[in-house]
Amino acid sequence: MPGVEKMKKKKETEPVEPVDSHNEQVCKQILDSLGKPPRFSCILATQINPHRYRVNVRVYKEEWGEKLTDSFWVETDDSGTIVKTNPVMTRKY
């Protein structure tokens, strides 16, 4: 049709490289410092930006399935070593 431009095929984009994540290393350091709670279910570190993580520790509860027992904001250095947590982490288990 005159005056109608053909739709251009969208160019396929290159896959985005993930940010260098230290999730497993952060989780290990948290469990080493905090201790492993009784009826431990899982620990999950979510990277917020290159040096900040939100870490949640869950345990099994008979009545409710799983329960969040501990939660931390974590800051790391370039190598993934924890330099700061909020709240301050102490051995609990």
N, C-alpha and C. Protein backbone atom coordinates (compact mmCIF):
# COMPACT_ATOMS: atom_id res chain seq x y z
N MET A 1 0.85 -1.17 0.00
CA MET A 1 0.00 0.00 0.00
C MET A 1 0.90 1.23 0.00
N PRO A 2 0.55 2.19 -0.76
CA PRO A 2 1.35 3.41 -0.78
C PRO A 2 1.24 4.14 0.57
N GLY A 3 2.36 4.68 1.01
CA GLY A 3 2.41 5.45 2.26
C GLY A 3 2.53 4.60 3.51
N VAL A 4 2.49 3.30 3.37
CA VAL A 4 2.61 2.43 4.54
C VAL A 4 4.00 1.81 4.52
N GLU A 5 4.74 2.05 5.57
CA GLU A 5 6.09 1.47 5.64
C GLU A 5 6.00 0.03 6.11
N LYS A 6 6.89 -0.75 5.58
CA LYS A 6 6.95 -2.13 6.05
C LYS A 6 7.52 -2.14 7.45
N MET A 7 6.96 -3.00 8.26
CA MET A 7 7.47 -3.12 9.62
C MET A 7 8.83 -3.80 9.56
N LYS A 8 9.77 -3.20 10.22
CA LYS A 8 11.10 -3.78 10.26
C LYS A 8 11.13 -4.89 11.30
N LYS A 9 11.79 -5.96 10.91
CA LYS A 9 11.94 -7.05 11.86
C LYS A 9 12.85 -6.59 12.99
N LYS A 10 12.41 -6.86 14.21
CA LYS A 10 13.21 -6.46 15.35
C LYS A 10 14.52 -7.22 15.36
N LYS A 11 15.56 -6.49 15.63
CA LYS A 11 16.88 -7.08 15.70
C LYS A 11 16.99 -7.89 16.98
N GLU A 12 17.46 -9.12 16.85
CA GLU A 12 17.65 -9.93 18.05
C GLU A 12 18.78 -9.35 18.87
N THR A 13 18.53 -9.24 20.16
CA THR A 13 19.55 -8.67 21.04
C THR A 13 20.46 -9.75 21.58
N GLU A 14 21.65 -9.34 21.87
CA GLU A 14 22.61 -10.26 22.47
C GLU A 14 22.16 -10.56 23.89
N PRO A 15 22.38 -11.78 24.37
CA PRO A 15 22.02 -12.06 25.76
C PRO A 15 22.82 -11.17 26.70
N VAL A 16 22.14 -10.71 27.73
CA VAL A 16 22.78 -9.84 28.70
C VAL A 16 23.59 -10.69 29.66
N GLU A 17 24.83 -10.32 29.86
CA GLU A 17 25.68 -11.04 30.81
C GLU A 17 25.22 -10.74 32.22
N PRO A 18 25.05 -11.74 33.07
CA PRO A 18 24.62 -11.46 34.44
C PRO A 18 25.72 -10.72 35.20
N VAL A 19 25.28 -9.93 36.17
CA VAL A 19 26.22 -9.25 37.04
C VAL A 19 26.98 -10.33 37.82
N ASP A 20 28.27 -10.11 38.05
CA ASP A 20 29.06 -11.09 38.78
C ASP A 20 28.45 -11.28 40.16
N SER A 21 27.82 -12.40 40.35
CA SER A 21 27.07 -12.65 41.57
C SER A 21 27.82 -13.61 42.49
N HIS A 22 27.75 -13.31 43.76
CA HIS A 22 28.39 -14.15 44.77
C HIS A 22 27.34 -14.74 45.71
N ASN A 23 26.15 -15.05 45.18
CA ASN A 23 25.05 -15.52 46.01
C ASN A 23 25.43 -16.71 46.89
N GLU A 24 26.02 -17.74 46.29
CA GLU A 24 26.37 -18.94 47.06
C GLU A 24 27.40 -18.62 48.14
N GLN A 25 28.37 -17.81 47.80
CA GLN A 25 29.41 -17.44 48.76
C GLN A 25 28.80 -16.65 49.92
N VAL A 26 27.88 -15.74 49.63
CA VAL A 26 27.22 -14.95 50.67
C VAL A 26 26.41 -15.87 51.58
N CYS A 27 25.66 -16.80 51.01
CA CYS A 27 24.85 -17.74 51.81
C CYS A 27 25.73 -18.57 52.72
N LYS A 28 26.84 -19.06 52.21
CA LYS A 28 27.76 -19.87 53.03
C LYS A 28 28.30 -19.05 54.20
N GLN A 29 28.69 -17.81 53.94
CA GLN A 29 29.23 -16.97 55.01
C GLN A 29 28.16 -16.68 56.08
N ILE A 30 26.92 -16.47 55.65
CA ILE A 30 25.84 -16.22 56.61
C ILE A 30 25.64 -17.44 57.50
N LEU A 31 25.55 -18.62 56.91
CA LEU A 31 25.34 -19.83 57.71
C LEU A 31 26.53 -20.12 58.61
N ASP A 32 27.76 -19.84 58.14
CA ASP A 32 28.94 -20.05 58.98
C ASP A 32 28.92 -19.13 60.20
N SER A 33 28.45 -17.90 60.02
CA SER A 33 28.43 -16.93 61.12
C SER A 33 27.21 -17.10 62.02
N LEU A 34 26.06 -17.31 61.43
CA LEU A 34 24.80 -17.41 62.17
C LEU A 34 24.63 -18.77 62.82
N GLY A 35 25.13 -19.80 62.16
CA GLY A 35 24.85 -21.18 62.57
C GLY A 35 23.67 -21.69 61.77
N LYS A 36 23.46 -22.99 61.77
CA LYS A 36 22.36 -23.59 61.01
C LYS A 36 21.19 -23.83 61.97
N PRO A 37 20.05 -23.20 61.74
CA PRO A 37 18.92 -23.35 62.66
C PRO A 37 18.34 -24.76 62.63
N PRO A 38 17.74 -25.19 63.74
CA PRO A 38 17.05 -26.49 63.75
C PRO A 38 15.94 -26.47 62.70
N ARG A 39 15.72 -27.59 62.05
CA ARG A 39 14.71 -27.73 61.00
C ARG A 39 14.95 -26.78 59.83
N PHE A 40 16.23 -26.53 59.54
CA PHE A 40 16.63 -25.64 58.44
C PHE A 40 15.98 -26.08 57.14
N SER A 41 15.42 -25.11 56.41
CA SER A 41 14.80 -25.39 55.11
C SER A 41 15.70 -24.87 53.99
N CYS A 42 15.94 -23.55 53.97
CA CYS A 42 16.74 -22.98 52.89
C CYS A 42 17.24 -21.59 53.26
N ILE A 43 18.22 -21.14 52.49
CA ILE A 43 18.70 -19.77 52.59
C ILE A 43 18.74 -19.23 51.18
N LEU A 44 18.30 -17.98 51.01
CA LEU A 44 18.23 -17.39 49.70
C LEU A 44 18.83 -15.99 49.73
N ALA A 45 19.83 -15.76 48.88
CA ALA A 45 20.43 -14.43 48.75
C ALA A 45 19.98 -13.85 47.42
N THR A 46 19.39 -12.68 47.47
CA THR A 46 18.95 -11.98 46.27
C THR A 46 19.82 -10.76 46.09
N GLN A 47 20.48 -10.68 44.94
CA GLN A 47 21.37 -9.56 44.68
C GLN A 47 20.55 -8.34 44.31
N ILE A 48 20.76 -7.24 45.05
CA ILE A 48 20.05 -6.00 44.82
C ILE A 48 20.84 -5.11 43.86
N ASN A 49 22.13 -5.01 44.09
CA ASN A 49 23.06 -4.34 43.17
C ASN A 49 24.40 -5.04 43.33
N PRO A 50 25.44 -4.63 42.63
CA PRO A 50 26.68 -5.42 42.65
C PRO A 50 27.25 -5.76 44.03
N HIS A 51 26.98 -4.96 45.05
CA HIS A 51 27.57 -5.24 46.36
C HIS A 51 26.54 -5.34 47.49
N ARG A 52 25.26 -5.42 47.16
CA ARG A 52 24.22 -5.51 48.18
C ARG A 52 23.31 -6.71 47.91
N TYR A 53 22.97 -7.41 48.99
CA TYR A 53 22.11 -8.59 48.91
C TYR A 53 21.06 -8.53 50.01
N ARG A 54 19.94 -9.17 49.75
CA ARG A 54 18.94 -9.43 50.79
C ARG A 54 19.01 -10.93 51.00
N VAL A 55 19.24 -11.34 52.26
CA VAL A 55 19.39 -12.76 52.56
C VAL A 55 18.30 -13.18 53.53
N ASN A 56 17.57 -14.23 53.20
CA ASN A 56 16.50 -14.76 54.05
C ASN A 56 16.80 -16.21 54.40
N VAL A 57 16.60 -16.55 55.68
CA VAL A 57 16.80 -17.91 56.17
C VAL A 57 15.43 -18.45 56.58
N ARG A 58 15.09 -19.63 56.10
CA ARG A 58 13.79 -20.25 56.40
C ARG A 58 13.97 -21.60 57.09
N VAL A 59 13.00 -21.94 57.94
CA VAL A 59 12.97 -23.23 58.61
C VAL A 59 11.61 -23.87 58.36
N TYR A 60 11.55 -25.20 58.53
CA TYR A 60 10.28 -25.92 58.42
C TYR A 60 9.49 -25.75 59.71
N LYS A 61 8.20 -25.51 59.56
CA LYS A 61 7.27 -25.47 60.68
C LYS A 61 6.13 -26.41 60.37
N GLU A 62 5.79 -27.27 61.31
CA GLU A 62 4.75 -28.26 61.05
C GLU A 62 3.41 -27.61 60.74
N GLU A 63 3.08 -26.54 61.46
CA GLU A 63 1.77 -25.93 61.29
C GLU A 63 1.64 -25.14 60.00
N TRP A 64 2.72 -24.46 59.57
CA TRP A 64 2.61 -23.53 58.45
C TRP A 64 3.44 -23.89 57.24
N GLY A 65 4.20 -24.93 57.28
CA GLY A 65 5.09 -25.26 56.17
C GLY A 65 6.48 -24.69 56.41
N GLU A 66 6.72 -23.45 55.98
CA GLU A 66 8.01 -22.80 56.20
C GLU A 66 7.80 -21.46 56.88
N LYS A 67 8.83 -21.04 57.61
CA LYS A 67 8.76 -19.76 58.30
C LYS A 67 10.09 -19.03 58.11
N LEU A 68 10.00 -17.73 57.85
CA LEU A 68 11.19 -16.89 57.75
C LEU A 68 11.68 -16.62 59.17
N THR A 69 12.92 -17.05 59.47
CA THR A 69 13.44 -16.87 60.82
C THR A 69 14.44 -15.74 60.92
N ASP A 70 15.19 -15.50 59.86
CA ASP A 70 16.22 -14.46 59.88
C ASP A 70 16.28 -13.79 58.52
N SER A 71 16.55 -12.48 58.54
CA SER A 71 16.63 -11.73 57.31
C SER A 71 17.67 -10.62 57.48
N PHE A 72 18.53 -10.45 56.49
CA PHE A 72 19.63 -9.50 56.58
C PHE A 72 19.79 -8.72 55.28
N TRP A 73 20.20 -7.45 55.40
CA TRP A 73 20.77 -6.70 54.30
C TRP A 73 22.26 -6.93 54.40
N VAL A 74 22.90 -7.27 53.31
CA VAL A 74 24.32 -7.63 53.33
C VAL A 74 25.07 -6.78 52.30
N GLU A 75 26.22 -6.26 52.72
CA GLU A 75 27.12 -5.56 51.79
C GLU A 75 28.39 -6.38 51.67
N THR A 76 28.92 -6.48 50.45
CA THR A 76 30.13 -7.26 50.20
C THR A 76 31.19 -6.40 49.53
N ASP A 77 32.43 -6.92 49.55
CA ASP A 77 33.48 -6.26 48.77
C ASP A 77 33.49 -6.87 47.37
N ASP A 78 34.46 -6.50 46.56
CA ASP A 78 34.52 -7.00 45.17
C ASP A 78 34.67 -8.51 45.07
N SER A 79 35.26 -9.13 46.08
CA SER A 79 35.48 -10.58 46.03
C SER A 79 34.31 -11.37 46.62
N GLY A 80 33.27 -10.68 47.12
CA GLY A 80 32.11 -11.37 47.67
C GLY A 80 32.18 -11.61 49.17
N THR A 81 33.21 -11.09 49.83
CA THR A 81 33.33 -11.24 51.27
C THR A 81 32.41 -10.23 51.96
N ILE A 82 31.64 -10.70 52.93
CA ILE A 82 30.71 -9.82 53.64
C ILE A 82 31.50 -8.80 54.46
N VAL A 83 31.15 -7.53 54.30
CA VAL A 83 31.80 -6.46 55.07
C VAL A 83 30.83 -5.82 56.07
N LYS A 84 29.51 -5.99 55.84
CA LYS A 84 28.54 -5.37 56.74
C LYS A 84 27.20 -6.08 56.61
N THR A 85 26.51 -6.26 57.74
CA THR A 85 25.14 -6.78 57.71
C THR A 85 24.25 -5.87 58.54
N ASN A 86 22.99 -5.83 58.17
CA ASN A 86 22.00 -5.09 58.95
C ASN A 86 20.76 -5.95 59.03
N PRO A 87 20.37 -6.40 60.22
CA PRO A 87 20.98 -6.13 61.51
C PRO A 87 22.33 -6.82 61.64
N VAL A 88 23.09 -6.38 62.64
CA VAL A 88 24.40 -6.98 62.90
C VAL A 88 24.19 -8.46 63.19
N MET A 89 24.99 -9.29 62.55
CA MET A 89 24.84 -10.73 62.69
C MET A 89 25.69 -11.28 63.83
N THR A 90 25.08 -12.09 64.67
CA THR A 90 25.80 -12.79 65.73
C THR A 90 25.43 -14.26 65.66
N ARG A 91 26.23 -15.10 66.26
CA ARG A 91 25.95 -16.55 66.26
C ARG A 91 24.66 -16.78 67.04
N LYS A 92 23.71 -17.42 66.41
CA LYS A 92 22.39 -17.61 67.00
C LYS A 92 22.08 -19.08 67.21
N TYR A 93 22.63 -19.93 66.38
CA TYR A 93 22.31 -21.36 66.45
C TYR A 93 23.55 -22.20 66.66
